Amino acid sequence: MSTTPTGADDAVGAVRAHVTAHRAAFLDDLAAWLRIPSVSAQPEHAADVRRSAEWLAGQLRATGFPTVEIWDTPGAPAVFADWPAEEPDAPTVLVYGHHDVQPATRADGWHSEPFAPEIREGRLYARGAADDKGQVFFHTLGLRAHLAATGRTSPAVHLKFLIEGEEESGSPHFRALVEERAARLTADAVLVSDTGMWNEDTPTVCTGMRGLVDGELVLRGPDQDIHSGSFGGAVPNPATVLARIVAALHDEDGHIAIPGFYEGVAPLSERERALFAELPFDEDAWLRTAFSHATAGESGHTTLERIWARPTAEVNGIGGGYQGAGSKTVIPSSAFAKLTFRLVDQQDPTAVEKAVRAFVEARVPAGIRAELTFGGATRPCLTPLGHPALAAVVAAMETAFEQPVRLTREGGSGPAADLADVTGAPVLFLGVSVPSDGWHAPDEKIELDLLLKGAEAAAHLWARLASRAREAH
């Protein structure tokens, strides 16, 4: 390892110069990856998902990782890479992301082919450009810039990557994979690059994501649809019972009315409320992005608090009985609702499932059979605001963006909490995508200037994490 000293300003300039000099080659490589339609949800693309994993593994080897492996699962493969620092006492950082993408076709409303990347007006359009291939791949450029700027021959931290292939399908095999490979995944911090920033002009660092429990409730009454004139009012109607259960999920103040649901939910600290209030939030503009006409939710909380720091109970779909034109006077034999519950803080998915089941069972009358099934659950994760590693991420972002960085949370969910559970390490977030990037939507894109800022931030982060670890010791 070279020990040639460089001042802070020299290091910033060296990182930026490297990123700028290698911009074209980096974008060419990213475009090649984006051409692979690694859609994990569609079986016909299973070979493409594997091809995506193999492509990434080759790039990580070319970056310099001495250990790169493809880890098979019962579903899609993940990619693991490991590059030890020369200093034995350096901290270990595990970078998480995913290489699978959402389905996409031109007929969905794209202005160009979703798997034929195009650069238009400083933006790269393609499925996966922001979610998550672009944000995974900027780490390769950032790592090269880190080595070039510091003269090192290995990172300043023990660096590991775990890039899964099933995130867009709910990560059904991820927890089992990380438990099976726990000995290889030991880390002092987990870094997730599958999030974003407030907007193009306001760089931010995410400090938490909500967990998720999803379920489906099916109520069955008569063994077949029956005549509502002959039998209505004399036998239970599963659609009516379902409507009552759904209506009872919330009270008149928007609070979730499931007994025990709020166990583990802590109120926001005054500091975090103040941090949320600092953000340039325009509620009317936000409503336009939500394609909605009014806000609603739990009373006593702002819109940002509701979507970042409060749990939810949502009906994602509901149906039953006759759906055609005109009328058909029947009592339906069944009705269903698809439900999701976003979780925060220390809410336990298993406890929430138990509470929901008890809530439903208490409201099902005789003559109605209830079937409540739950899919995969995701735990919430939250970065402690006072953690020195969070300060290192913020400092790296501020160095790259040359302005103050604020803190946010995200309302969505991801499998990062599984890594936190298995490793016992805090979860950190480094993402540069913005709301206009259109994750999961037609014309998904990434702002090229922000993507390169992400590479710069990653380049600055490793030395900062190593330095703060030394200070802590």
Protein backbone atom coordinates (compact mmCIF):
# COMPACT_ATOMS: atom_id res chain seq x y z
CA MET A 1 0.00 0.00 0.00
CA SER A 2 1.30 3.44 -0.92
CA THR A 3 1.38 5.95 1.90
CA THR A 4 1.77 9.04 -0.25
CA PRO A 5 0.04 11.78 1.74
CA THR A 6 -2.56 13.96 0.12
CA GLY A 7 -4.46 16.84 1.67
CA ALA A 8 -8.22 16.78 1.90
CA ASP A 9 -8.60 19.16 -1.03
CA ASP A 10 -6.18 17.11 -3.11
CA ALA A 11 -8.15 13.95 -2.36
CA VAL A 12 -11.43 15.59 -3.39
CA GLY A 13 -9.88 16.80 -6.61
CA ALA A 14 -8.29 13.45 -7.33
CA VAL A 15 -11.58 11.60 -6.82
CA ARG A 16 -13.47 14.01 -9.06
CA ALA A 17 -10.79 13.87 -11.74
CA HIS A 18 -10.88 10.07 -11.79
CA VAL A 19 -14.67 9.93 -11.96
CA THR A 20 -14.73 12.51 -14.76
CA ALA A 21 -11.99 10.81 -16.75
CA HIS A 22 -13.74 7.43 -16.60
CA ARG A 23 -17.31 8.68 -17.06
CA ALA A 24 -17.73 7.48 -20.66
CA ALA A 25 -16.38 3.97 -20.05
CA PHE A 26 -18.46 3.67 -16.89
CA LEU A 27 -21.66 4.61 -18.72
CA ASP A 28 -20.87 2.23 -21.59
CA ASP A 29 -20.47 -0.62 -19.12
CA LEU A 30 -23.64 0.31 -17.24
CA ALA A 31 -25.58 0.41 -20.49
CA ALA A 32 -24.36 -3.10 -21.31
CA TRP A 33 -25.71 -4.33 -17.97
CA LEU A 34 -29.02 -2.51 -18.44
CA ARG A 35 -29.53 -4.34 -21.75
CA ILE A 36 -29.91 -7.60 -19.82
CA PRO A 37 -33.64 -7.97 -18.97
CA SER A 38 -33.12 -9.47 -15.52
CA VAL A 39 -36.81 -9.60 -14.58
CA SER A 40 -36.96 -11.95 -11.60
CA ALA A 41 -40.77 -12.05 -11.51
CA GLN A 42 -41.06 -13.66 -14.95
CA PRO A 43 -39.85 -17.28 -15.31
CA GLU A 44 -39.03 -16.74 -18.98
CA HIS A 45 -36.28 -14.34 -17.88
CA ALA A 46 -34.58 -16.74 -15.43
CA ALA A 47 -31.64 -17.17 -17.79
CA ASP A 48 -31.34 -13.38 -18.10
CA VAL A 49 -31.23 -12.98 -14.34
CA ARG A 50 -28.36 -15.48 -14.20
CA ARG A 51 -26.65 -13.70 -17.08
CA SER A 52 -26.98 -10.45 -15.12
CA ALA A 53 -25.33 -12.05 -12.08
CA GLU A 54 -22.49 -13.41 -14.20
CA TRP A 55 -21.99 -10.01 -15.88
CA LEU A 56 -21.75 -8.26 -12.50
CA ALA A 57 -19.38 -10.90 -11.15
CA GLY A 58 -17.07 -10.24 -14.10
CA GLN A 59 -17.14 -6.50 -13.48
CA LEU A 60 -16.36 -6.92 -9.79
CA ARG A 61 -13.37 -9.09 -10.67
CA ALA A 62 -12.22 -6.44 -13.15
CA THR A 63 -12.56 -3.81 -10.42
CA GLY A 64 -10.09 -5.78 -8.32
CA PHE A 65 -12.08 -7.92 -5.90
CA PRO A 66 -9.96 -11.00 -5.21
CA THR A 67 -13.01 -13.05 -4.18
CA VAL A 68 -16.16 -13.03 -6.31
CA GLU A 69 -18.77 -15.77 -6.14
CA ILE A 70 -22.25 -16.43 -7.49
CA TRP A 71 -24.47 -17.77 -4.72
CA ASP A 72 -27.34 -19.89 -5.95
CA THR A 73 -30.71 -19.96 -4.23
CA PRO A 74 -33.88 -21.95 -5.01
CA GLY A 75 -34.76 -18.88 -7.08
CA ALA A 76 -32.40 -16.35 -8.65
CA PRO A 77 -28.67 -16.11 -7.94
CA ALA A 78 -26.95 -13.47 -5.79
CA VAL A 79 -23.42 -12.12 -6.26
CA PHE A 80 -20.96 -11.99 -3.37
CA ALA A 81 -17.60 -10.21 -3.43
CA ASP A 82 -14.95 -9.69 -0.75
CA TRP A 83 -11.88 -7.43 -0.74
CA PRO A 84 -9.98 -7.25 2.59
CA ALA A 85 -8.14 -4.13 3.62
CA GLU A 86 -4.43 -4.48 4.34
CA GLU A 87 -4.99 -3.26 7.91
CA PRO A 88 -6.31 -6.21 9.96
CA ASP A 89 -8.21 -3.94 12.34
CA ALA A 90 -10.04 -2.02 9.60
CA PRO A 91 -13.84 -2.08 9.88
CA THR A 92 -15.86 -4.37 7.62
CA VAL A 93 -18.62 -2.90 5.44
CA LEU A 94 -21.17 -4.99 3.59
CA VAL A 95 -22.77 -3.27 0.58
CA TYR A 96 -26.26 -4.48 -0.34
CA GLY A 97 -28.15 -3.98 -3.60
CA HIS A 98 -30.00 -6.01 -6.21
CA HIS A 99 -29.47 -6.78 -9.88
CA ASP A 100 -33.00 -7.88 -10.79
CA VAL A 101 -35.52 -5.41 -12.20
CA GLN A 102 -39.25 -4.87 -12.59
CA PRO A 103 -41.06 -6.07 -15.73
CA ALA A 104 -41.19 -3.52 -18.54
CA THR A 105 -42.41 -3.36 -22.14
CA ARG A 106 -42.71 -0.51 -24.63
CA ALA A 107 -46.49 -0.95 -24.49
CA ASP A 108 -46.48 0.14 -20.82
CA GLY A 109 -45.95 3.72 -22.00
CA TRP A 110 -42.19 3.93 -22.49
CA HIS A 111 -40.88 6.45 -25.02
CA SER A 112 -37.98 4.12 -25.83
CA GLU A 113 -37.32 0.42 -25.45
CA PRO A 114 -36.90 -0.26 -21.70
CA PHE A 115 -33.92 -2.57 -22.24
CA ALA A 116 -32.23 -0.41 -24.88
CA PRO A 117 -30.65 2.34 -22.78
CA GLU A 118 -30.80 5.88 -24.13
CA ILE A 119 -29.22 9.10 -22.86
CA ARG A 120 -31.44 12.14 -23.32
CA GLU A 121 -30.79 15.57 -21.81
CA GLY A 122 -28.38 14.31 -19.18
CA ARG A 123 -30.54 11.38 -18.13
CA LEU A 124 -30.06 7.67 -18.74
CA TYR A 125 -33.37 5.95 -19.52
CA ALA A 126 -33.70 2.18 -19.03
CA ARG A 127 -35.32 -0.28 -16.68
CA GLY A 128 -32.97 -0.64 -13.72
CA ALA A 129 -31.15 2.64 -14.36
CA ALA A 130 -32.07 3.85 -10.87
CA ASP A 131 -33.55 0.73 -9.27
CA ASP A 132 -31.02 -0.68 -8.71
CA LYS A 133 -28.33 -1.39 -11.27
CA GLY A 134 -27.17 2.20 -11.59
CA GLN A 135 -26.83 2.60 -7.84
CA VAL A 136 -25.02 -0.71 -7.46
CA PHE A 137 -22.67 0.02 -10.31
CA PHE A 138 -21.56 3.47 -9.15
CA HIS A 139 -19.73 1.65 -6.36
CA THR A 140 -17.31 0.15 -8.86
CA LEU A 141 -16.36 3.58 -10.19
CA GLY A 142 -16.25 4.99 -6.67
CA LEU A 143 -13.97 2.22 -5.46
CA ARG A 144 -11.57 2.75 -8.35
CA ALA A 145 -11.56 6.48 -7.59
CA HIS A 146 -10.90 5.75 -3.90
CA LEU A 147 -7.86 3.65 -4.78
CA ALA A 148 -6.57 6.13 -7.33
CA ALA A 149 -6.97 9.13 -5.00
CA THR A 150 -5.35 7.47 -1.98
CA GLY A 151 -2.69 5.41 -3.73
CA ARG A 152 -3.95 2.30 -1.96
CA THR A 153 -3.91 -1.16 -3.48
CA SER A 154 -6.89 -2.28 -1.40
CA PRO A 155 -9.85 -0.44 0.15
CA ALA A 156 -9.50 1.38 3.48
CA VAL A 157 -12.16 -0.98 4.87
CA HIS A 158 -12.75 -4.70 4.52
CA LEU A 159 -15.30 -4.41 1.71
CA LYS A 160 -17.96 -6.98 0.90
CA PHE A 161 -20.78 -6.88 -1.64
CA LEU A 162 -24.00 -8.90 -1.59
CA ILE A 163 -26.14 -8.14 -4.63
CA GLU A 164 -29.27 -10.27 -4.71
CA GLY A 165 -31.40 -11.31 -7.66
CA GLU A 166 -34.91 -11.48 -6.21
CA GLU A 167 -35.60 -8.14 -4.53
CA GLU A 168 -38.24 -7.18 -7.07
CA SER A 169 -39.98 -10.47 -6.32
CA GLY A 170 -40.09 -9.94 -2.57
CA SER A 171 -36.71 -11.53 -1.72
CA PRO A 172 -38.34 -14.90 -0.94
CA HIS A 173 -35.03 -16.73 -0.41
CA PHE A 174 -32.91 -13.89 0.91
CA ARG A 175 -33.31 -14.49 4.64
CA ALA A 176 -32.41 -18.17 4.26
CA LEU A 177 -29.40 -17.23 2.13
CA VAL A 178 -27.95 -14.76 4.63
CA GLU A 179 -28.53 -17.16 7.53
CA GLU A 180 -26.82 -19.98 5.63
CA ARG A 181 -23.88 -17.73 4.69
CA ALA A 182 -23.73 -15.76 7.93
CA ALA A 183 -20.08 -16.61 8.55
CA ARG A 184 -19.13 -14.97 5.25
CA LEU A 185 -21.26 -11.88 5.86
CA THR A 186 -19.87 -10.64 9.16
CA ALA A 187 -19.72 -6.85 9.12
CA ASP A 188 -19.48 -3.77 11.30
CA ALA A 189 -21.91 -1.86 9.07
CA VAL A 190 -24.33 -2.65 6.25
CA LEU A 191 -24.56 -0.06 3.45
CA VAL A 192 -27.70 -0.08 1.29
CA SER A 193 -27.65 1.65 -2.08
CA ASP A 194 -31.29 1.06 -3.01
CA THR A 195 -32.74 4.37 -1.82
CA GLY A 196 -32.74 7.97 -2.95
CA MET A 197 -32.56 11.66 -2.14
CA TRP A 198 -35.17 14.32 -1.54
CA ASN A 199 -34.71 15.94 -4.95
CA GLU A 200 -32.07 17.10 -7.42
CA ASP A 201 -31.22 20.20 -5.39
CA THR A 202 -31.46 18.77 -1.87
CA PRO A 203 -29.01 15.94 -1.15
CA THR A 204 -30.16 13.76 1.71
CA VAL A 205 -29.27 10.56 3.52
CA CYS A 206 -31.98 8.08 4.40
CA THR A 207 -31.99 6.81 7.99
CA GLY A 208 -34.73 4.20 7.93
CA MET A 209 -37.14 2.06 5.96
CA ARG A 210 -40.42 0.58 7.06
CA GLY A 211 -41.08 -3.12 7.34
CA LEU A 212 -43.90 -4.94 5.59
CA VAL A 213 -46.43 -7.67 6.25
CA ASP A 214 -48.70 -8.65 3.37
CA GLY A 215 -51.73 -10.89 3.57
CA GLU A 216 -54.86 -12.02 1.81
CA LEU A 217 -58.20 -12.51 3.50
CA VAL A 218 -60.80 -14.73 1.84
CA LEU A 219 -64.26 -15.10 3.36
CA ARG A 220 -66.50 -17.95 2.22
CA GLY A 221 -70.24 -18.16 2.90
CA PRO A 222 -72.69 -20.16 0.76
CA ASP A 223 -71.21 -23.00 -1.22
CA GLN A 224 -72.21 -21.13 -4.39
CA ASP A 225 -73.73 -17.79 -5.35
CA ILE A 226 -77.38 -17.82 -4.28
CA HIS A 227 -80.50 -15.74 -5.06
CA SER A 228 -80.62 -12.62 -2.90
CA GLY A 229 -84.41 -12.53 -3.07
CA SER A 230 -84.89 -16.07 -1.83
CA PHE A 231 -82.09 -16.06 0.75
CA GLY A 232 -81.00 -12.47 1.37
CA GLY A 233 -81.39 -11.28 4.94
CA ALA A 234 -81.46 -14.84 6.23
CA VAL A 235 -77.86 -16.04 5.67
CA PRO A 236 -74.56 -14.20 6.18
CA ASN A 237 -73.14 -12.36 3.18
CA PRO A 238 -69.32 -12.68 2.94
CA ALA A 239 -69.01 -9.39 1.03
CA THR A 240 -70.87 -7.53 3.77
CA VAL A 241 -68.78 -9.16 6.48
CA LEU A 242 -65.61 -8.29 4.59
CA ALA A 243 -66.71 -4.66 4.25
CA ARG A 244 -67.25 -4.45 8.00
CA ILE A 245 -63.81 -5.92 8.73
CA VAL A 246 -62.10 -3.53 6.34
CA ALA A 247 -64.02 -0.56 7.73
CA ALA A 248 -62.97 -1.53 11.26
CA LEU A 249 -59.23 -1.39 10.46
CA HIS A 250 -59.13 2.33 11.38
CA ASP A 251 -60.97 4.54 13.82
CA GLU A 252 -62.36 7.96 12.94
CA ASP A 253 -58.98 9.58 13.66
CA GLY A 254 -57.12 7.34 11.26
CA HIS A 255 -55.52 5.25 13.99
CA ILE A 256 -55.19 1.53 13.30
CA ALA A 257 -57.77 -0.19 15.49
CA ILE A 258 -56.18 -3.65 15.68
CA PRO A 259 -55.49 -4.40 19.36
CA GLY A 260 -51.75 -4.71 20.00
CA PHE A 261 -50.79 -3.36 16.58
CA TYR A 262 -48.79 -0.41 17.91
CA GLU A 263 -46.59 -2.50 20.19
CA GLY A 264 -42.99 -1.45 19.54
CA VAL A 265 -43.91 1.88 17.91
CA ALA A 266 -42.00 4.70 19.57
CA PRO A 267 -42.96 8.36 19.14
CA LEU A 268 -40.64 10.47 17.03
CA SER A 269 -38.06 12.41 18.98
CA GLU A 270 -38.26 16.18 18.87
CA ARG A 271 -34.93 16.19 17.04
CA GLU A 272 -36.19 13.98 14.24
CA ARG A 273 -39.42 15.93 13.95
CA ALA A 274 -37.31 19.05 13.56
CA LEU A 275 -35.16 17.34 10.90
CA PHE A 276 -38.29 16.42 8.93
CA ALA A 277 -39.56 19.99 9.24
CA GLU A 278 -36.32 21.36 7.74
CA LEU A 279 -37.05 19.73 4.39
CA PRO A 280 -38.55 21.89 1.64
CA PHE A 281 -41.85 20.00 1.57
CA ASP A 282 -44.58 21.34 -0.73
CA GLU A 283 -47.73 19.37 0.08
CA ASP A 284 -49.59 20.47 -3.05
CA ALA A 285 -46.69 19.39 -5.24
CA TRP A 286 -46.45 16.12 -3.32
CA LEU A 287 -50.16 15.47 -3.91
CA ARG A 288 -49.60 15.89 -7.63
CA THR A 289 -46.87 13.23 -7.54
CA ALA A 290 -49.33 11.03 -5.64
CA PHE A 291 -52.05 11.65 -8.26
CA SER A 292 -54.31 12.45 -5.32
CA HIS A 293 -56.51 15.34 -4.26
CA ALA A 294 -56.26 15.47 -0.46
CA THR A 295 -54.10 14.11 2.34
CA ALA A 296 -55.47 11.69 4.91
CA GLY A 297 -54.17 9.48 7.68
CA GLU A 298 -53.39 9.25 11.32
CA SER A 299 -54.33 12.45 13.14
CA GLY A 300 -51.61 14.28 15.04
CA HIS A 301 -48.92 13.60 12.43
CA THR A 302 -47.63 15.45 9.39
CA THR A 303 -47.64 13.91 5.95
CA LEU A 304 -43.92 13.13 6.10
CA GLU A 305 -44.31 11.55 9.52
CA ARG A 306 -47.18 9.41 8.22
CA ILE A 307 -45.22 8.03 5.27
CA TRP A 308 -41.85 7.65 7.00
CA ALA A 309 -42.34 7.03 10.70
CA ARG A 310 -45.85 5.66 11.29
CA PRO A 311 -47.24 2.19 10.56
CA THR A 312 -50.08 1.65 8.12
CA ALA A 313 -52.88 -0.77 7.31
CA GLU A 314 -53.90 -0.61 3.66
CA VAL A 315 -56.38 -2.40 1.45
CA ASN A 316 -54.59 -3.09 -1.84
CA GLY A 317 -57.44 -4.92 -3.53
CA ILE A 318 -60.97 -6.03 -2.73
CA GLY A 319 -63.57 -8.05 -4.58
CA GLY A 320 -66.31 -10.64 -4.55
CA GLY A 321 -69.59 -11.41 -6.21
CA TYR A 322 -70.87 -10.19 -9.54
CA GLN A 323 -68.60 -7.76 -11.39
CA GLY A 324 -70.26 -7.49 -14.82
CA ALA A 325 -72.52 -4.92 -16.40
CA GLY A 326 -75.99 -4.37 -14.98
CA SER A 327 -77.19 -6.24 -11.92
CA LYS A 328 -77.24 -9.83 -10.82
CA THR A 329 -79.16 -10.36 -7.62
CA VAL A 330 -76.97 -12.80 -5.76
CA ILE A 331 -75.37 -13.28 -2.39
CA PRO A 332 -71.79 -14.11 -3.38
CA SER A 333 -70.23 -17.30 -2.19
CA SER A 334 -66.95 -15.53 -1.34
CA ALA A 335 -65.19 -12.20 -1.05
CA PHE A 336 -61.53 -11.29 -0.69
CA ALA A 337 -59.24 -8.45 0.32
CA LYS A 338 -55.51 -8.07 -0.18
CA LEU A 339 -53.91 -6.24 2.74
CA THR A 340 -50.52 -4.78 3.58
CA PHE A 341 -49.19 -3.41 6.84
CA ARG A 342 -46.13 -1.13 6.89
CA LEU A 343 -44.15 -1.42 10.12
CA VAL A 344 -41.79 0.93 11.96
CA ASP A 345 -39.31 0.88 14.84
CA GLN A 346 -39.37 -2.39 16.76
CA GLN A 347 -42.64 -3.78 15.42
CA ASP A 348 -42.32 -7.53 15.00
CA PRO A 349 -43.91 -8.95 11.83
CA THR A 350 -44.86 -12.20 13.56
CA ALA A 351 -46.61 -10.31 16.36
CA VAL A 352 -48.44 -8.14 13.82
CA GLU A 353 -49.63 -11.21 11.91
CA LYS A 354 -50.93 -12.69 15.16
CA ALA A 355 -52.75 -9.47 16.04
CA VAL A 356 -54.35 -9.22 12.59
CA ARG A 357 -55.48 -12.84 12.76
CA ALA A 358 -57.12 -12.29 16.16
CA PHE A 359 -58.76 -9.09 14.88
CA VAL A 360 -60.30 -10.94 11.92
CA GLU A 361 -61.39 -13.99 13.90
CA ALA A 362 -63.25 -11.79 16.39
CA ARG A 363 -65.34 -10.32 13.55
CA VAL A 364 -66.27 -13.45 11.58
CA PRO A 365 -69.84 -14.61 12.33
CA ALA A 366 -71.16 -18.14 12.24
CA GLY A 367 -71.65 -19.37 8.70
CA ILE A 368 -68.59 -17.58 7.35
CA ARG A 369 -65.27 -19.34 6.94
CA ALA A 370 -62.18 -17.13 6.98
CA GLU A 371 -58.88 -17.94 5.30
CA LEU A 372 -56.12 -15.47 6.19
CA THR A 373 -52.73 -16.13 4.65
CA PHE A 374 -49.55 -14.09 4.91
CA GLY A 375 -46.68 -13.81 2.45
CA GLY A 376 -43.08 -12.95 3.16
CA ALA A 377 -42.50 -10.33 5.85
CA THR A 378 -39.86 -7.61 6.03
CA ARG A 379 -38.66 -6.09 9.28
CA PRO A 380 -38.23 -2.32 9.66
CA CYS A 381 -34.75 -0.89 10.05
CA LEU A 382 -33.56 2.41 11.47
CA THR A 383 -30.09 3.97 11.68
CA PRO A 384 -29.38 5.51 15.12
CA LEU A 385 -28.99 9.25 14.55
CA GLY A 386 -25.93 9.43 16.78
CA HIS A 387 -24.04 6.56 15.17
CA PRO A 388 -20.54 7.59 13.98
CA ALA A 389 -20.95 5.58 10.78
CA LEU A 390 -23.98 7.70 9.85
CA ALA A 391 -21.86 10.80 10.37
CA ALA A 392 -19.31 9.32 7.95
CA VAL A 393 -21.97 8.78 5.27
CA VAL A 394 -23.26 12.34 5.69
CA ALA A 395 -19.72 13.73 5.51
CA ALA A 396 -18.98 11.74 2.35
CA MET A 397 -22.15 13.02 0.71
CA GLU A 398 -21.39 16.60 1.74
CA THR A 399 -17.91 16.32 0.26
CA ALA A 400 -19.30 15.06 -3.05
CA PHE A 401 -22.18 17.52 -3.28
CA GLU A 402 -20.38 20.47 -1.68
CA GLN A 403 -23.39 21.49 0.38
CA PRO A 404 -25.13 20.47 3.63
CA VAL A 405 -26.90 17.12 3.60
CA ARG A 406 -30.20 16.58 5.42
CA LEU A 407 -31.70 13.38 6.82
CA THR A 408 -34.84 11.61 5.66
CA ARG A 409 -36.53 8.24 5.91
CA GLU A 410 -38.26 6.18 3.25
CA GLY A 411 -41.78 4.82 3.35
CA GLY A 412 -41.01 1.71 1.37
CA SER A 413 -39.52 -1.57 2.51
CA GLY A 414 -36.56 -3.77 1.68
CA PRO A 415 -34.66 -6.78 3.01
CA ALA A 416 -31.87 -4.77 4.65
CA ALA A 417 -33.24 -5.58 8.10
CA ASP A 418 -32.49 -9.25 7.47
CA LEU A 419 -28.83 -8.34 7.08
CA ALA A 420 -29.00 -6.25 10.24
CA ASP A 421 -30.54 -9.17 12.14
CA VAL A 422 -27.95 -11.68 10.96
CA THR A 423 -24.87 -9.44 11.21
CA GLY A 424 -25.92 -7.39 14.23
CA ALA A 425 -24.57 -4.35 12.36
CA PRO A 426 -26.29 -1.00 11.83
CA VAL A 427 -27.83 -0.29 8.45
CA LEU A 428 -26.67 2.79 6.54
CA PHE A 429 -28.08 4.17 3.30
CA LEU A 430 -26.29 5.80 0.38
CA GLY A 431 -28.50 6.55 -2.60
CA VAL A 432 -28.71 9.31 -5.19
CA SER A 433 -31.93 8.54 -7.03
CA VAL A 434 -34.65 11.21 -6.99
CA PRO A 435 -38.48 10.94 -7.06
CA SER A 436 -38.67 11.84 -10.74
CA ASP A 437 -36.63 8.75 -11.65
CA GLY A 438 -39.82 6.70 -11.91
CA TRP A 439 -38.97 3.48 -10.15
CA HIS A 440 -41.22 0.65 -11.39
CA ALA A 441 -42.79 3.08 -13.89
CA PRO A 442 -42.45 3.73 -17.63
CA ASP A 443 -39.41 5.80 -18.62
CA GLU A 444 -37.37 4.93 -15.53
CA LYS A 445 -34.19 7.01 -15.59
CA ILE A 446 -31.23 8.20 -13.55
CA GLU A 447 -29.77 11.70 -13.52
CA LEU A 448 -26.21 11.25 -14.79
CA ASP A 449 -24.72 14.08 -12.74
CA LEU A 450 -26.23 12.60 -9.57
CA LEU A 451 -25.07 9.10 -10.48
CA LEU A 452 -21.49 10.36 -10.71
CA LYS A 453 -21.91 12.24 -7.42
CA GLY A 454 -22.88 8.89 -5.93
CA ALA A 455 -19.60 7.44 -7.16
CA GLU A 456 -17.72 10.35 -5.60
CA ALA A 457 -19.53 9.92 -2.28
CA ALA A 458 -18.71 6.21 -2.26
CA ALA A 459 -15.07 7.03 -3.00
CA HIS A 460 -14.88 9.34 0.03
CA LEU A 461 -16.81 7.03 2.34
CA TRP A 462 -14.36 4.19 2.85
CA ALA A 463 -11.54 6.30 4.30
CA ARG A 464 -14.01 8.20 6.48
CA LEU A 465 -15.44 4.99 7.93
CA ALA A 466 -11.95 3.67 8.62
CA SER A 467 -10.97 6.94 10.29
CA ARG A 468 -14.01 7.02 12.53
CA ALA A 469 -13.46 3.40 13.50
CA ARG A 470 -9.89 4.25 14.55
CA GLU A 471 -11.17 7.21 16.58
CA ALA A 472 -13.71 4.98 18.31
CA HIS A 473 -10.98 2.52 19.26
